Amino acid sequence: MNRRRDMLSNLRSKTNQMASTLSMSNFANRDSLLGPEIKPVDAVSRTSDLVNQGIVGLQRQVMREQDEGLEKLEETVTSTKHIALAVNEELDLQTRLIDTLDYQVEATSSRLQVHFHYGIPQDAFPVAYVTLMFSI
């Protein structure tokens, strides 16, 4: 009985630990997720010596860099989504296991209450319990 209670409390603590690990407040920082932030160069200083063709080229280069950054962000979001789905499946499984364990603990507790109610000696419990259960 104590072993099952310990197992149940251990599972609950692991569930709480996983939930706290996944909370948004515990992410290390933005840089670990998206890479270091690069300070943009002043737009005026980049375009002061350029003519129209150069400005258009610069805009295209900036757009390519932004597209690359968005692609990296998409990869990160997709990866995070897959991890979240896997964690969700694991939590569903753990929840079902805990529910099954809870049901079994309740059934065992009810049986023990019957045992104590009828005052069956502890050394005769298995035989007397089976007899009592079939007589009910």
N, C-alpha and C. Protein backbone atom coordinates (compact mmCIF):
# COMPACT_ATOMS: atom_id res chain seq x y z
N MET A 1 0.83 -1.19 0.00
CA MET A 1 0.00 0.00 0.00
C MET A 1 0.88 1.25 0.00
N ASN A 2 1.90 1.26 0.89
CA ASN A 2 2.80 2.40 0.94
C ASN A 2 3.60 2.54 -0.35
N ARG A 3 3.95 1.40 -0.93
CA ARG A 3 4.71 1.42 -2.18
C ARG A 3 3.89 2.09 -3.28
N ARG A 4 2.62 1.79 -3.33
CA ARG A 4 1.75 2.41 -4.34
C ARG A 4 1.59 3.90 -4.09
N ARG A 5 1.45 4.27 -2.83
CA ARG A 5 1.36 5.70 -2.51
C ARG A 5 2.64 6.42 -2.92
N ASP A 6 3.79 5.79 -2.65
CA ASP A 6 5.07 6.38 -3.05
C ASP A 6 5.16 6.51 -4.56
N MET A 7 4.72 5.47 -5.27
CA MET A 7 4.74 5.52 -6.73
C MET A 7 3.84 6.63 -7.25
N LEU A 8 2.66 6.76 -6.66
CA LEU A 8 1.72 7.79 -7.07
C LEU A 8 2.27 9.18 -6.79
N SER A 9 2.85 9.39 -5.63
CA SER A 9 3.42 10.70 -5.32
C SER A 9 4.63 10.99 -6.21
N ASN A 10 5.41 9.95 -6.53
CA ASN A 10 6.55 10.12 -7.44
C ASN A 10 6.07 10.53 -8.83
N LEU A 11 5.03 9.88 -9.33
CA LEU A 11 4.48 10.24 -10.64
C LEU A 11 3.93 11.66 -10.65
N ARG A 12 3.25 12.02 -9.57
CA ARG A 12 2.71 13.39 -9.50
C ARG A 12 3.83 14.42 -9.47
N SER A 13 4.90 14.14 -8.74
CA SER A 13 6.01 15.10 -8.69
C SER A 13 6.70 15.21 -10.05
N LYS A 14 6.82 14.07 -10.75
CA LYS A 14 7.42 14.12 -12.09
C LYS A 14 6.53 14.91 -13.05
N THR A 15 5.22 14.75 -12.92
CA THR A 15 4.29 15.51 -13.76
C THR A 15 4.43 17.00 -13.49
N ASN A 16 4.48 17.37 -12.23
CA ASN A 16 4.65 18.79 -11.88
C ASN A 16 5.99 19.32 -12.37
N GLN A 17 7.02 18.50 -12.28
CA GLN A 17 8.34 18.92 -12.74
C GLN A 17 8.33 19.14 -14.25
N MET A 18 7.68 18.25 -14.99
CA MET A 18 7.59 18.42 -16.45
C MET A 18 6.80 19.67 -16.79
N ALA A 19 5.72 19.90 -16.08
CA ALA A 19 4.90 21.08 -16.35
C ALA A 19 5.68 22.37 -16.09
N SER A 20 6.45 22.39 -15.01
CA SER A 20 7.23 23.60 -14.73
C SER A 20 8.36 23.78 -15.73
N THR A 21 8.92 22.68 -16.23
CA THR A 21 9.98 22.78 -17.23
C THR A 21 9.43 23.36 -18.53
N LEU A 22 8.19 23.03 -18.84
CA LEU A 22 7.61 23.48 -20.09
C LEU A 22 7.01 24.88 -20.02
N SER A 23 6.90 25.44 -18.86
CA SER A 23 6.29 26.76 -18.76
C SER A 23 7.16 27.79 -19.46
N MET A 24 6.52 28.76 -20.02
CA MET A 24 7.23 29.77 -20.82
C MET A 24 8.20 30.60 -19.97
N SER A 25 7.94 30.73 -18.70
CA SER A 25 8.80 31.55 -17.86
C SER A 25 10.17 30.91 -17.61
N ASN A 26 10.29 29.61 -17.88
CA ASN A 26 11.55 28.92 -17.61
C ASN A 26 12.47 28.82 -18.81
N PHE A 27 12.09 29.37 -19.97
CA PHE A 27 13.01 29.34 -21.09
C PHE A 27 14.21 30.20 -20.76
N ALA A 28 15.38 29.72 -21.10
CA ALA A 28 16.62 30.39 -20.72
C ALA A 28 16.62 31.84 -21.19
N ASN A 29 16.52 32.05 -22.45
CA ASN A 29 16.40 33.40 -22.99
C ASN A 29 16.14 33.33 -24.48
N ARG A 30 15.90 34.48 -25.05
CA ARG A 30 15.58 34.57 -26.48
C ARG A 30 16.74 34.10 -27.34
N ASP A 31 17.96 34.42 -26.95
CA ASP A 31 19.13 34.06 -27.75
C ASP A 31 19.29 32.56 -27.90
N SER A 32 18.97 31.80 -26.86
CA SER A 32 19.11 30.36 -26.96
C SER A 32 18.10 29.75 -27.93
N LEU A 33 16.98 30.44 -28.13
CA LEU A 33 15.96 29.94 -29.05
C LEU A 33 16.17 30.43 -30.48
N LEU A 34 16.50 31.70 -30.63
CA LEU A 34 16.54 32.30 -31.97
C LEU A 34 17.93 32.74 -32.40
N GLY A 35 18.90 32.61 -31.56
CA GLY A 35 20.23 33.08 -31.89
C GLY A 35 20.42 34.50 -31.38
N PRO A 36 21.68 34.94 -31.38
CA PRO A 36 21.95 36.28 -30.84
C PRO A 36 21.32 37.37 -31.70
N GLU A 37 20.88 38.40 -31.03
CA GLU A 37 20.27 39.53 -31.72
C GLU A 37 21.36 40.39 -32.35
N ILE A 38 21.20 40.67 -33.64
CA ILE A 38 22.17 41.49 -34.36
C ILE A 38 21.58 42.89 -34.48
N LYS A 39 22.33 43.88 -34.03
CA LYS A 39 21.86 45.26 -34.08
C LYS A 39 21.86 45.74 -35.53
N PRO A 40 20.74 46.27 -36.00
CA PRO A 40 20.71 46.78 -37.37
C PRO A 40 21.58 48.03 -37.50
N VAL A 41 22.22 48.11 -38.65
CA VAL A 41 23.04 49.28 -38.94
C VAL A 41 22.10 50.42 -39.32
N ASP A 42 22.47 51.62 -38.95
CA ASP A 42 21.66 52.79 -39.25
C ASP A 42 21.37 52.83 -40.76
N ALA A 43 20.09 52.93 -41.13
CA ALA A 43 19.68 52.91 -42.54
C ALA A 43 20.27 54.07 -43.32
N VAL A 44 20.40 55.22 -42.69
CA VAL A 44 20.94 56.39 -43.40
C VAL A 44 22.40 56.16 -43.76
N SER A 45 23.17 55.59 -42.84
CA SER A 45 24.58 55.37 -43.14
C SER A 45 24.77 54.30 -44.21
N ARG A 46 23.86 53.36 -44.31
CA ARG A 46 23.96 52.31 -45.32
C ARG A 46 23.59 52.82 -46.71
N THR A 47 22.71 53.80 -46.79
CA THR A 47 22.21 54.25 -48.09
C THR A 47 22.73 55.61 -48.52
N SER A 48 23.56 56.26 -47.73
CA SER A 48 23.98 57.63 -48.05
C SER A 48 24.80 57.71 -49.34
N ASP A 49 25.59 56.71 -49.67
CA ASP A 49 26.43 56.77 -50.86
C ASP A 49 25.85 55.98 -52.03
N LEU A 50 24.63 55.48 -51.91
CA LEU A 50 24.05 54.63 -52.95
C LEU A 50 23.10 55.41 -53.85
N VAL A 51 23.03 54.99 -55.11
CA VAL A 51 22.04 55.53 -56.03
C VAL A 51 20.83 54.61 -55.99
N ASN A 52 19.83 54.91 -56.81
CA ASN A 52 18.59 54.12 -56.78
C ASN A 52 18.84 52.63 -56.96
N GLN A 53 19.68 52.23 -57.89
CA GLN A 53 19.96 50.81 -58.12
C GLN A 53 20.58 50.17 -56.88
N GLY A 54 21.47 50.90 -56.24
CA GLY A 54 22.11 50.39 -55.04
C GLY A 54 21.12 50.23 -53.89
N ILE A 55 20.20 51.17 -53.79
CA ILE A 55 19.19 51.10 -52.73
C ILE A 55 18.28 49.90 -52.95
N VAL A 56 17.90 49.67 -54.21
CA VAL A 56 17.05 48.52 -54.52
C VAL A 56 17.81 47.23 -54.21
N GLY A 57 19.08 47.17 -54.56
CA GLY A 57 19.89 45.99 -54.25
C GLY A 57 19.99 45.77 -52.75
N LEU A 58 20.20 46.85 -52.02
CA LEU A 58 20.28 46.76 -50.56
C LEU A 58 18.96 46.27 -49.98
N GLN A 59 17.85 46.77 -50.50
CA GLN A 59 16.53 46.31 -50.01
C GLN A 59 16.34 44.82 -50.27
N ARG A 60 16.79 44.36 -51.43
CA ARG A 60 16.67 42.93 -51.74
C ARG A 60 17.53 42.09 -50.81
N GLN A 61 18.74 42.61 -50.52
CA GLN A 61 19.62 41.89 -49.60
C GLN A 61 18.98 41.81 -48.21
N VAL A 62 18.42 42.91 -47.75
CA VAL A 62 17.77 42.93 -46.43
C VAL A 62 16.58 41.96 -46.43
N MET A 63 15.82 41.94 -47.52
CA MET A 63 14.68 41.02 -47.61
C MET A 63 15.15 39.56 -47.58
N ARG A 64 16.27 39.25 -48.27
CA ARG A 64 16.81 37.88 -48.23
C ARG A 64 17.22 37.51 -46.80
N GLU A 65 17.87 38.45 -46.12
CA GLU A 65 18.28 38.19 -44.73
C GLU A 65 17.06 37.96 -43.84
N GLN A 66 16.02 38.76 -44.06
CA GLN A 66 14.79 38.57 -43.27
C GLN A 66 14.14 37.23 -43.59
N ASP A 67 14.15 36.85 -44.88
CA ASP A 67 13.59 35.55 -45.26
C ASP A 67 14.36 34.41 -44.60
N GLU A 68 15.67 34.52 -44.55
CA GLU A 68 16.49 33.50 -43.88
C GLU A 68 16.15 33.42 -42.40
N GLY A 69 16.00 34.58 -41.78
CA GLY A 69 15.63 34.61 -40.37
C GLY A 69 14.26 34.00 -40.13
N LEU A 70 13.32 34.28 -41.04
CA LEU A 70 11.98 33.70 -40.91
C LEU A 70 12.01 32.19 -41.12
N GLU A 71 12.86 31.71 -42.02
CA GLU A 71 12.98 30.27 -42.23
C GLU A 71 13.53 29.58 -40.98
N LYS A 72 14.52 30.22 -40.35
CA LYS A 72 15.06 29.65 -39.10
C LYS A 72 13.99 29.65 -38.01
N LEU A 73 13.22 30.73 -37.96
CA LEU A 73 12.14 30.81 -36.97
C LEU A 73 11.10 29.73 -37.24
N GLU A 74 10.78 29.50 -38.51
CA GLU A 74 9.82 28.46 -38.86
C GLU A 74 10.33 27.08 -38.43
N GLU A 75 11.61 26.82 -38.64
CA GLU A 75 12.19 25.54 -38.22
C GLU A 75 12.09 25.38 -36.71
N THR A 76 12.37 26.46 -35.99
CA THR A 76 12.30 26.42 -34.53
C THR A 76 10.88 26.17 -34.06
N VAL A 77 9.92 26.87 -34.66
CA VAL A 77 8.51 26.70 -34.28
C VAL A 77 8.03 25.29 -34.60
N THR A 78 8.42 24.77 -35.77
CA THR A 78 8.02 23.42 -36.15
C THR A 78 8.61 22.39 -35.19
N SER A 79 9.88 22.56 -34.86
CA SER A 79 10.52 21.65 -33.91
C SER A 79 9.84 21.71 -32.55
N THR A 80 9.55 22.91 -32.10
CA THR A 80 8.87 23.09 -30.82
C THR A 80 7.48 22.44 -30.84
N LYS A 81 6.79 22.57 -31.97
CA LYS A 81 5.47 21.96 -32.11
C LYS A 81 5.57 20.44 -31.97
N HIS A 82 6.55 19.84 -32.64
CA HIS A 82 6.70 18.39 -32.57
C HIS A 82 7.04 17.94 -31.15
N ILE A 83 7.87 18.70 -30.48
CA ILE A 83 8.21 18.38 -29.09
C ILE A 83 6.97 18.49 -28.21
N ALA A 84 6.20 19.56 -28.42
CA ALA A 84 4.98 19.76 -27.61
C ALA A 84 3.98 18.63 -27.85
N LEU A 85 3.85 18.17 -29.10
CA LEU A 85 2.93 17.07 -29.39
C LEU A 85 3.40 15.78 -28.71
N ALA A 86 4.71 15.53 -28.74
CA ALA A 86 5.24 14.33 -28.09
C ALA A 86 5.03 14.40 -26.57
N VAL A 87 5.27 15.57 -26.00
CA VAL A 87 5.06 15.74 -24.56
C VAL A 87 3.58 15.56 -24.22
N ASN A 88 2.70 16.08 -25.06
CA ASN A 88 1.26 15.92 -24.83
C ASN A 88 0.87 14.45 -24.84
N GLU A 89 1.39 13.69 -25.80
CA GLU A 89 1.09 12.25 -25.84
C GLU A 89 1.60 11.56 -24.59
N GLU A 90 2.80 11.92 -24.16
CA GLU A 90 3.36 11.31 -22.95
C GLU A 90 2.53 11.66 -21.72
N LEU A 91 2.09 12.91 -21.63
CA LEU A 91 1.26 13.32 -20.50
C LEU A 91 -0.08 12.61 -20.51
N ASP A 92 -0.66 12.41 -21.69
CA ASP A 92 -1.91 11.65 -21.77
C ASP A 92 -1.71 10.22 -21.26
N LEU A 93 -0.62 9.61 -21.69
CA LEU A 93 -0.31 8.25 -21.23
C LEU A 93 -0.12 8.22 -19.73
N GLN A 94 0.66 9.16 -19.21
CA GLN A 94 0.90 9.21 -17.77
C GLN A 94 -0.40 9.45 -17.00
N THR A 95 -1.27 10.27 -17.54
CA THR A 95 -2.56 10.53 -16.89
C THR A 95 -3.39 9.27 -16.83
N ARG A 96 -3.43 8.51 -17.92
CA ARG A 96 -4.17 7.25 -17.92
C ARG A 96 -3.57 6.27 -16.92
N LEU A 97 -2.23 6.22 -16.86
CA LEU A 97 -1.58 5.32 -15.90
C LEU A 97 -1.91 5.72 -14.47
N ILE A 98 -1.88 7.00 -14.19
CA ILE A 98 -2.19 7.48 -12.84
C ILE A 98 -3.65 7.20 -12.51
N ASP A 99 -4.55 7.39 -13.47
CA ASP A 99 -5.96 7.09 -13.22
C ASP A 99 -6.16 5.61 -12.93
N THR A 100 -5.48 4.75 -13.69
CA THR A 100 -5.58 3.31 -13.45
C THR A 100 -5.03 2.96 -12.07
N LEU A 101 -3.89 3.54 -11.74
CA LEU A 101 -3.29 3.30 -10.43
C LEU A 101 -4.21 3.79 -9.32
N ASP A 102 -4.81 4.96 -9.52
CA ASP A 102 -5.73 5.51 -8.53
C ASP A 102 -6.92 4.57 -8.32
N TYR A 103 -7.46 4.05 -9.43
CA TYR A 103 -8.57 3.11 -9.33
C TYR A 103 -8.16 1.86 -8.55
N GLN A 104 -6.97 1.34 -8.84
CA GLN A 104 -6.51 0.14 -8.15
C GLN A 104 -6.26 0.40 -6.67
N VAL A 105 -5.73 1.57 -6.35
CA VAL A 105 -5.51 1.92 -4.94
C VAL A 105 -6.85 2.04 -4.22
N GLU A 106 -7.83 2.66 -4.87
CA GLU A 106 -9.15 2.78 -4.25
C GLU A 106 -9.78 1.41 -4.02
N ALA A 107 -9.63 0.51 -5.00
CA ALA A 107 -10.19 -0.84 -4.85
C ALA A 107 -9.51 -1.57 -3.71
N THR A 108 -8.19 -1.44 -3.62
CA THR A 108 -7.45 -2.09 -2.54
C THR A 108 -7.84 -1.49 -1.19
N SER A 109 -8.01 -0.18 -1.16
CA SER A 109 -8.41 0.48 0.07
C SER A 109 -9.79 -0.01 0.53
N SER A 110 -10.70 -0.16 -0.42
CA SER A 110 -12.04 -0.67 -0.08
C SER A 110 -11.96 -2.08 0.47
N ARG A 111 -11.13 -2.89 -0.13
CA ARG A 111 -10.97 -4.27 0.36
C ARG A 111 -10.39 -4.29 1.76
N LEU A 112 -9.44 -3.41 2.02
CA LEU A 112 -8.85 -3.35 3.36
C LEU A 112 -9.88 -2.86 4.38
N GLN A 113 -10.73 -1.93 3.97
CA GLN A 113 -11.77 -1.47 4.88
C GLN A 113 -12.72 -2.61 5.24
N VAL A 114 -13.04 -3.45 4.26
CA VAL A 114 -13.88 -4.62 4.54
C VAL A 114 -13.15 -5.53 5.52
N HIS A 115 -11.86 -5.71 5.29
CA HIS A 115 -11.04 -6.55 6.16
C HIS A 115 -11.10 -6.04 7.61
N PHE A 116 -10.90 -4.76 7.79
CA PHE A 116 -10.88 -4.21 9.14
C PHE A 116 -12.29 -4.17 9.74
N HIS A 117 -13.29 -4.00 8.89
CA HIS A 117 -14.67 -3.97 9.38
C HIS A 117 -15.08 -5.31 9.98
N TYR A 118 -14.71 -6.41 9.33
CA TYR A 118 -15.08 -7.73 9.81
C TYR A 118 -14.07 -8.28 10.82
N GLY A 119 -13.00 -7.56 11.09
CA GLY A 119 -12.05 -7.96 12.12
C GLY A 119 -11.32 -9.25 11.81
N ILE A 120 -11.01 -9.49 10.59
CA ILE A 120 -10.30 -10.71 10.21
C ILE A 120 -8.85 -10.58 10.66
N PRO A 121 -8.30 -11.60 11.33
CA PRO A 121 -6.89 -11.53 11.75
C PRO A 121 -5.98 -11.37 10.55
N GLN A 122 -4.92 -10.64 10.76
CA GLN A 122 -4.05 -10.30 9.65
C GLN A 122 -3.37 -11.53 9.04
N ASP A 123 -3.01 -12.52 9.84
CA ASP A 123 -2.35 -13.71 9.30
C ASP A 123 -3.32 -14.58 8.49
N ALA A 124 -4.62 -14.44 8.72
CA ALA A 124 -5.61 -15.21 7.99
C ALA A 124 -6.24 -14.38 6.87
N PHE A 125 -5.72 -13.21 6.66
CA PHE A 125 -6.34 -12.29 5.72
C PHE A 125 -6.54 -12.86 4.32
N PRO A 126 -5.55 -13.43 3.64
CA PRO A 126 -5.78 -13.87 2.26
C PRO A 126 -6.90 -14.89 2.13
N VAL A 127 -6.91 -15.91 2.98
CA VAL A 127 -7.93 -16.95 2.89
C VAL A 127 -9.29 -16.40 3.29
N ALA A 128 -9.33 -15.70 4.41
CA ALA A 128 -10.59 -15.15 4.90
C ALA A 128 -11.13 -14.09 3.93
N TYR A 129 -10.26 -13.32 3.34
CA TYR A 129 -10.69 -12.28 2.43
C TYR A 129 -11.33 -12.88 1.18
N VAL A 130 -10.71 -13.90 0.62
CA VAL A 130 -11.26 -14.57 -0.56
C VAL A 130 -12.62 -15.18 -0.22
N THR A 131 -12.71 -15.82 0.92
CA THR A 131 -13.97 -16.41 1.35
C THR A 131 -15.02 -15.34 1.53
N LEU A 132 -14.66 -14.23 2.17
CA LEU A 132 -15.58 -13.13 2.41
C LEU A 132 -16.04 -12.53 1.09
N MET A 133 -15.14 -12.35 0.16
CA MET A 133 -15.47 -11.72 -1.12
C MET A 133 -16.44 -12.58 -1.91
N PHE A 134 -16.27 -13.91 -1.88
CA PHE A 134 -17.18 -14.77 -2.63
C PHE A 134 -18.53 -14.92 -1.92
N SER A 135 -18.56 -14.66 -0.64
CA SER A 135 -19.83 -14.79 0.08
C SER A 135 -20.69 -13.55 -0.05
N ILE A 136 -20.09 -12.45 -0.45
CA ILE A 136 -20.85 -11.18 -0.56
C ILE A 136 -21.61 -11.13 -1.82
